[in-house]
N, C-alpha and C. Protein backbone atom coordinates (compact mmCIF):
# COMPACT_ATOMS: atom_id res chain seq x y z
N MET A 1 15.63 -13.93 -14.78
CA MET A 1 15.13 -12.58 -14.74
C MET A 1 16.00 -11.79 -13.74
N GLU A 2 16.58 -10.74 -14.21
CA GLU A 2 17.48 -9.94 -13.39
C GLU A 2 16.77 -8.79 -12.70
N SER A 3 15.80 -8.18 -13.39
CA SER A 3 15.05 -7.07 -12.80
C SER A 3 13.64 -7.05 -13.38
N VAL A 4 12.75 -6.33 -12.69
CA VAL A 4 11.36 -6.20 -13.12
C VAL A 4 10.87 -4.82 -12.69
N ARG A 5 9.91 -4.28 -13.43
CA ARG A 5 9.34 -2.98 -13.07
C ARG A 5 8.68 -3.06 -11.69
N ILE A 6 8.83 -2.00 -10.92
CA ILE A 6 8.29 -1.98 -9.55
C ILE A 6 6.77 -2.12 -9.56
N ASP A 7 6.08 -1.48 -10.50
CA ASP A 7 4.61 -1.58 -10.51
C ASP A 7 4.15 -3.00 -10.83
N ARG A 8 4.84 -3.70 -11.70
CA ARG A 8 4.49 -5.09 -12.01
C ARG A 8 4.75 -6.00 -10.82
N TRP A 9 5.86 -5.77 -10.13
CA TRP A 9 6.19 -6.61 -8.98
C TRP A 9 5.19 -6.42 -7.85
N LEU A 10 4.74 -5.19 -7.62
CA LEU A 10 3.76 -4.93 -6.56
C LEU A 10 2.45 -5.67 -6.82
N VAL A 11 2.07 -5.80 -8.08
CA VAL A 11 0.86 -6.54 -8.42
C VAL A 11 1.11 -8.05 -8.30
N ALA A 12 2.26 -8.51 -8.75
CA ALA A 12 2.59 -9.94 -8.67
C ALA A 12 2.65 -10.40 -7.21
N ALA A 13 3.13 -9.53 -6.32
CA ALA A 13 3.23 -9.86 -4.90
C ALA A 13 1.92 -9.64 -4.16
N ARG A 14 0.89 -9.21 -4.87
CA ARG A 14 -0.44 -8.98 -4.31
C ARG A 14 -0.48 -7.87 -3.26
N ILE A 15 0.35 -6.86 -3.43
CA ILE A 15 0.31 -5.69 -2.56
C ILE A 15 -0.81 -4.77 -3.03
N PHE A 16 -0.96 -4.65 -4.36
CA PHE A 16 -2.05 -3.89 -4.97
C PHE A 16 -2.87 -4.83 -5.84
N LYS A 17 -4.16 -4.52 -6.00
CA LYS A 17 -5.05 -5.40 -6.77
C LYS A 17 -4.84 -5.27 -8.27
N SER A 18 -4.41 -4.11 -8.74
CA SER A 18 -4.23 -3.92 -10.18
C SER A 18 -2.98 -3.10 -10.44
N ARG A 19 -2.51 -3.19 -11.67
CA ARG A 19 -1.32 -2.44 -12.05
C ARG A 19 -1.61 -0.94 -12.06
N VAL A 20 -2.82 -0.56 -12.39
CA VAL A 20 -3.20 0.85 -12.39
C VAL A 20 -3.04 1.44 -10.98
N LEU A 21 -3.51 0.71 -9.96
CA LEU A 21 -3.39 1.18 -8.59
C LEU A 21 -1.92 1.26 -8.16
N ALA A 22 -1.12 0.28 -8.57
CA ALA A 22 0.30 0.29 -8.24
C ALA A 22 1.01 1.46 -8.92
N THR A 23 0.66 1.72 -10.16
CA THR A 23 1.26 2.84 -10.90
C THR A 23 0.90 4.17 -10.25
N GLU A 24 -0.37 4.32 -9.86
CA GLU A 24 -0.80 5.56 -9.21
C GLU A 24 -0.08 5.77 -7.88
N ALA A 25 0.14 4.68 -7.14
CA ALA A 25 0.85 4.79 -5.87
C ALA A 25 2.30 5.22 -6.10
N CYS A 26 2.95 4.67 -7.11
CA CYS A 26 4.33 5.06 -7.41
C CYS A 26 4.39 6.51 -7.89
N THR A 27 3.48 6.89 -8.76
CA THR A 27 3.46 8.25 -9.28
C THR A 27 3.17 9.25 -8.17
N GLY A 28 2.32 8.88 -7.23
CA GLY A 28 1.96 9.77 -6.13
C GLY A 28 2.99 9.84 -5.03
N GLY A 29 4.07 9.10 -5.13
CA GLY A 29 5.12 9.15 -4.13
C GLY A 29 4.89 8.27 -2.92
N ALA A 30 3.98 7.31 -3.01
CA ALA A 30 3.66 6.45 -1.87
C ALA A 30 4.56 5.23 -1.78
N VAL A 31 5.39 4.98 -2.81
CA VAL A 31 6.26 3.81 -2.82
C VAL A 31 7.72 4.27 -2.86
N LYS A 32 8.53 3.66 -2.02
CA LYS A 32 9.97 3.97 -1.98
C LYS A 32 10.76 2.68 -2.07
N VAL A 33 11.90 2.75 -2.74
CA VAL A 33 12.83 1.63 -2.82
C VAL A 33 14.15 2.11 -2.22
N ASN A 34 14.59 1.42 -1.18
CA ASN A 34 15.81 1.81 -0.46
C ASN A 34 15.76 3.26 0.00
N GLY A 35 14.58 3.72 0.39
CA GLY A 35 14.42 5.07 0.92
C GLY A 35 14.24 6.17 -0.10
N GLU A 36 14.24 5.85 -1.38
CA GLU A 36 14.06 6.84 -2.44
C GLU A 36 12.71 6.68 -3.12
N THR A 37 12.00 7.77 -3.34
CA THR A 37 10.74 7.73 -4.07
C THR A 37 11.03 7.31 -5.50
N VAL A 38 10.20 6.42 -6.04
CA VAL A 38 10.46 5.86 -7.37
C VAL A 38 9.30 6.09 -8.33
N LYS A 39 9.62 6.02 -9.61
CA LYS A 39 8.62 6.04 -10.67
C LYS A 39 8.18 4.60 -10.93
N PRO A 40 7.04 4.40 -11.57
CA PRO A 40 6.56 3.03 -11.82
C PRO A 40 7.48 2.20 -12.70
N SER A 41 8.30 2.84 -13.52
CA SER A 41 9.16 2.11 -14.45
C SER A 41 10.50 1.71 -13.85
N ARG A 42 10.73 2.03 -12.59
CA ARG A 42 12.03 1.73 -11.98
C ARG A 42 12.25 0.22 -11.90
N ALA A 43 13.45 -0.21 -12.25
CA ALA A 43 13.79 -1.64 -12.22
C ALA A 43 14.07 -2.06 -10.78
N LEU A 44 13.41 -3.12 -10.36
CA LEU A 44 13.57 -3.66 -9.00
C LEU A 44 14.42 -4.92 -9.07
N ARG A 45 15.34 -5.06 -8.13
CA ARG A 45 16.22 -6.22 -8.09
C ARG A 45 16.08 -6.94 -6.75
N VAL A 46 16.52 -8.18 -6.71
CA VAL A 46 16.50 -8.97 -5.48
C VAL A 46 17.44 -8.32 -4.47
N GLY A 47 17.00 -8.26 -3.21
CA GLY A 47 17.82 -7.69 -2.15
C GLY A 47 17.49 -6.25 -1.81
N GLU A 48 16.59 -5.63 -2.54
CA GLU A 48 16.21 -4.24 -2.26
C GLU A 48 15.05 -4.21 -1.28
N GLU A 49 14.86 -3.05 -0.63
CA GLU A 49 13.79 -2.88 0.33
C GLU A 49 12.73 -1.94 -0.24
N VAL A 50 11.49 -2.40 -0.26
CA VAL A 50 10.36 -1.62 -0.76
C VAL A 50 9.53 -1.20 0.44
N SER A 51 9.23 0.10 0.53
CA SER A 51 8.40 0.60 1.63
C SER A 51 7.38 1.56 1.06
N GLY A 52 6.33 1.81 1.84
CA GLY A 52 5.32 2.76 1.40
C GLY A 52 3.97 2.49 2.01
N LEU A 53 2.96 3.13 1.39
CA LEU A 53 1.58 2.98 1.84
C LEU A 53 0.82 2.13 0.83
N ALA A 54 0.20 1.09 1.32
CA ALA A 54 -0.61 0.20 0.49
C ALA A 54 -2.04 0.22 1.05
N PRO A 55 -2.99 -0.38 0.34
CA PRO A 55 -4.35 -0.42 0.87
C PRO A 55 -4.46 -1.05 2.26
N ARG A 56 -3.57 -1.99 2.59
CA ARG A 56 -3.63 -2.63 3.90
C ARG A 56 -2.92 -1.84 4.98
N GLY A 57 -2.23 -0.76 4.62
CA GLY A 57 -1.52 0.08 5.58
C GLY A 57 -0.06 0.24 5.22
N ARG A 58 0.73 0.62 6.20
CA ARG A 58 2.17 0.85 5.99
C ARG A 58 2.87 -0.49 5.77
N ILE A 59 3.74 -0.54 4.72
CA ILE A 59 4.45 -1.78 4.41
C ILE A 59 5.96 -1.53 4.33
N VAL A 60 6.72 -2.53 4.72
CA VAL A 60 8.17 -2.57 4.53
C VAL A 60 8.49 -4.00 4.11
N LEU A 61 8.96 -4.17 2.87
CA LEU A 61 9.18 -5.49 2.31
C LEU A 61 10.62 -5.63 1.82
N PHE A 62 11.22 -6.77 2.07
CA PHE A 62 12.54 -7.10 1.55
C PHE A 62 12.34 -8.07 0.38
N VAL A 63 12.84 -7.73 -0.79
CA VAL A 63 12.60 -8.50 -2.01
C VAL A 63 13.47 -9.77 -2.01
N LEU A 64 12.82 -10.93 -2.09
CA LEU A 64 13.51 -12.22 -2.14
C LEU A 64 13.53 -12.82 -3.54
N ALA A 65 12.50 -12.53 -4.34
CA ALA A 65 12.39 -13.08 -5.70
C ALA A 65 11.61 -12.10 -6.57
N LEU A 66 11.68 -12.30 -7.87
CA LEU A 66 11.00 -11.42 -8.82
C LEU A 66 9.95 -12.18 -9.60
N ALA A 67 8.90 -11.46 -10.00
CA ALA A 67 7.84 -12.01 -10.86
C ALA A 67 7.16 -10.86 -11.57
N GLU A 68 6.68 -11.13 -12.78
CA GLU A 68 5.98 -10.09 -13.54
C GLU A 68 4.47 -10.29 -13.55
N LYS A 69 4.02 -11.51 -13.42
CA LYS A 69 2.59 -11.80 -13.48
C LYS A 69 2.05 -12.08 -12.09
N ARG A 70 0.77 -11.79 -11.90
CA ARG A 70 0.12 -12.01 -10.61
C ARG A 70 0.13 -13.49 -10.26
N LEU A 71 0.55 -13.79 -9.04
CA LEU A 71 0.68 -15.16 -8.58
C LEU A 71 -0.38 -15.51 -7.55
N SER A 72 -0.48 -16.80 -7.24
CA SER A 72 -1.39 -17.20 -6.16
C SER A 72 -0.84 -16.67 -4.84
N ALA A 73 -1.68 -16.62 -3.84
CA ALA A 73 -1.29 -16.03 -2.56
C ALA A 73 -0.07 -16.70 -1.93
N PRO A 74 0.01 -18.04 -1.87
CA PRO A 74 1.20 -18.66 -1.27
C PRO A 74 2.49 -18.36 -2.05
N LEU A 75 2.41 -18.36 -3.38
CA LEU A 75 3.59 -18.05 -4.18
C LEU A 75 3.97 -16.57 -4.08
N ALA A 76 2.96 -15.72 -3.97
CA ALA A 76 3.23 -14.28 -3.85
C ALA A 76 3.94 -13.96 -2.54
N ARG A 77 3.59 -14.66 -1.45
CA ARG A 77 4.24 -14.43 -0.16
C ARG A 77 5.71 -14.84 -0.19
N ALA A 78 6.07 -15.73 -1.11
CA ALA A 78 7.46 -16.17 -1.23
C ALA A 78 8.34 -15.13 -1.94
N LEU A 79 7.73 -14.10 -2.53
CA LEU A 79 8.50 -13.08 -3.23
C LEU A 79 9.16 -12.08 -2.29
N TYR A 80 8.69 -11.99 -1.05
CA TYR A 80 9.21 -10.97 -0.15
C TYR A 80 9.21 -11.45 1.29
N GLU A 81 10.00 -10.74 2.10
CA GLU A 81 9.98 -10.94 3.54
C GLU A 81 9.32 -9.71 4.13
N ASP A 82 8.26 -9.90 4.87
CA ASP A 82 7.48 -8.78 5.42
C ASP A 82 8.12 -8.26 6.70
N ARG A 83 8.56 -7.01 6.65
CA ARG A 83 9.16 -6.34 7.81
C ARG A 83 8.30 -5.15 8.24
N SER A 84 7.02 -5.20 7.91
CA SER A 84 6.10 -4.10 8.21
C SER A 84 5.87 -3.96 9.70
N PRO A 85 5.67 -2.71 10.17
CA PRO A 85 5.34 -2.52 11.58
C PRO A 85 3.94 -3.06 11.86
N PRO A 86 3.66 -3.43 13.09
CA PRO A 86 2.32 -3.93 13.40
C PRO A 86 1.28 -2.84 13.17
N PRO A 87 0.07 -3.23 12.76
CA PRO A 87 -0.97 -2.23 12.50
C PRO A 87 -1.38 -1.51 13.78
N THR A 88 -1.76 -0.25 13.63
CA THR A 88 -2.21 0.53 14.77
C THR A 88 -3.64 0.16 15.10
N GLU A 89 -4.02 0.34 16.34
CA GLU A 89 -5.36 -0.02 16.80
C GLU A 89 -6.28 1.19 16.83
N GLU A 90 -6.27 1.98 15.77
CA GLU A 90 -7.14 3.15 15.68
C GLU A 90 -8.46 2.73 15.04
N PRO A 91 -9.57 3.30 15.50
CA PRO A 91 -10.84 2.97 14.85
C PRO A 91 -10.88 3.53 13.44
N GLU A 92 -11.52 2.81 12.52
CA GLU A 92 -11.60 3.25 11.14
C GLU A 92 -12.68 4.30 10.91
N PHE A 93 -13.53 4.49 11.89
CA PHE A 93 -14.61 5.45 11.71
C PHE A 93 -14.84 6.19 13.03
N ALA A 94 -15.42 7.37 12.91
CA ALA A 94 -15.71 8.17 14.09
C ALA A 94 -16.91 7.57 14.82
N VAL A 95 -16.86 7.59 16.11
CA VAL A 95 -17.93 7.02 16.92
C VAL A 95 -18.77 8.15 17.50
N ARG A 96 -20.07 8.08 17.26
CA ARG A 96 -20.99 9.06 17.83
C ARG A 96 -21.74 8.41 18.98
N VAL A 97 -22.05 9.21 19.97
CA VAL A 97 -22.81 8.72 21.11
C VAL A 97 -24.22 8.40 20.65
N ARG A 98 -24.71 7.23 21.02
CA ARG A 98 -26.05 6.83 20.61
C ARG A 98 -27.07 7.76 21.24
N GLY A 99 -28.00 8.22 20.44
CA GLY A 99 -29.04 9.11 20.92
C GLY A 99 -28.63 10.57 20.90
N ALA A 100 -27.50 10.89 20.28
CA ALA A 100 -27.02 12.27 20.26
C ALA A 100 -27.75 13.11 19.21
N GLY A 101 -28.59 12.50 18.41
CA GLY A 101 -29.32 13.25 17.39
C GLY A 101 -28.52 13.36 16.10
N ARG A 102 -29.06 14.17 15.20
CA ARG A 102 -28.40 14.36 13.92
C ARG A 102 -27.14 15.19 14.10
N PRO A 103 -26.12 14.98 13.28
CA PRO A 103 -24.91 15.78 13.40
C PRO A 103 -25.16 17.24 12.99
N THR A 104 -24.45 18.14 13.64
CA THR A 104 -24.55 19.55 13.28
C THR A 104 -23.78 19.79 11.99
N LYS A 105 -23.88 20.99 11.45
CA LYS A 105 -23.18 21.32 10.22
C LYS A 105 -21.66 21.17 10.40
N THR A 106 -21.15 21.61 11.52
CA THR A 106 -19.71 21.49 11.81
C THR A 106 -19.30 20.02 11.91
N GLU A 107 -20.13 19.22 12.57
CA GLU A 107 -19.82 17.79 12.70
C GLU A 107 -19.89 17.09 11.34
N ARG A 108 -20.85 17.47 10.49
CA ARG A 108 -20.96 16.88 9.15
C ARG A 108 -19.71 17.18 8.33
N ARG A 109 -19.23 18.43 8.43
CA ARG A 109 -18.01 18.80 7.69
C ARG A 109 -16.81 18.03 8.21
N ALA A 110 -16.72 17.84 9.50
CA ALA A 110 -15.61 17.07 10.09
C ALA A 110 -15.68 15.62 9.62
N ILE A 111 -16.88 15.06 9.55
CA ILE A 111 -17.05 13.69 9.08
C ILE A 111 -16.63 13.58 7.61
N SER A 112 -17.00 14.56 6.80
CA SER A 112 -16.63 14.56 5.38
C SER A 112 -15.11 14.64 5.21
N ARG A 113 -14.46 15.49 6.02
CA ARG A 113 -12.99 15.59 5.96
C ARG A 113 -12.35 14.27 6.37
N PHE A 114 -12.89 13.64 7.37
CA PHE A 114 -12.36 12.36 7.86
C PHE A 114 -12.48 11.28 6.81
N ARG A 115 -13.59 11.26 6.09
CA ARG A 115 -13.81 10.26 5.06
C ARG A 115 -13.06 10.57 3.77
N GLY A 116 -12.52 11.78 3.64
CA GLY A 116 -11.74 12.13 2.48
C GLY A 116 -12.54 12.73 1.34
N TYR A 117 -13.72 13.26 1.63
CA TYR A 117 -14.53 13.87 0.56
C TYR A 117 -14.14 15.30 0.34
């Protein structure tokens, strides 16, 4: 196998849970190969660098092998070398002081924006 579609490889390497999610990430501009934004149909080759945003956070991967089908976790880790930066220690949710009462309208809107609604 000389090349494989980037969306298929992302699923085979277990970066995304489904091909639909991988395709949406590529279409939305969240995946880059060698610093260029790519479409889901772009052919990926061994030796290229894949970077972007995945559900687990920011990723930077060096491609060591290719696969089209989803593999077991140990085999999937053999497809790439992980060069991702360490995760940030930011809280995933806003912290309210205990006993502060119900949130105000402004605070509710800020919470909704934070959650992405």
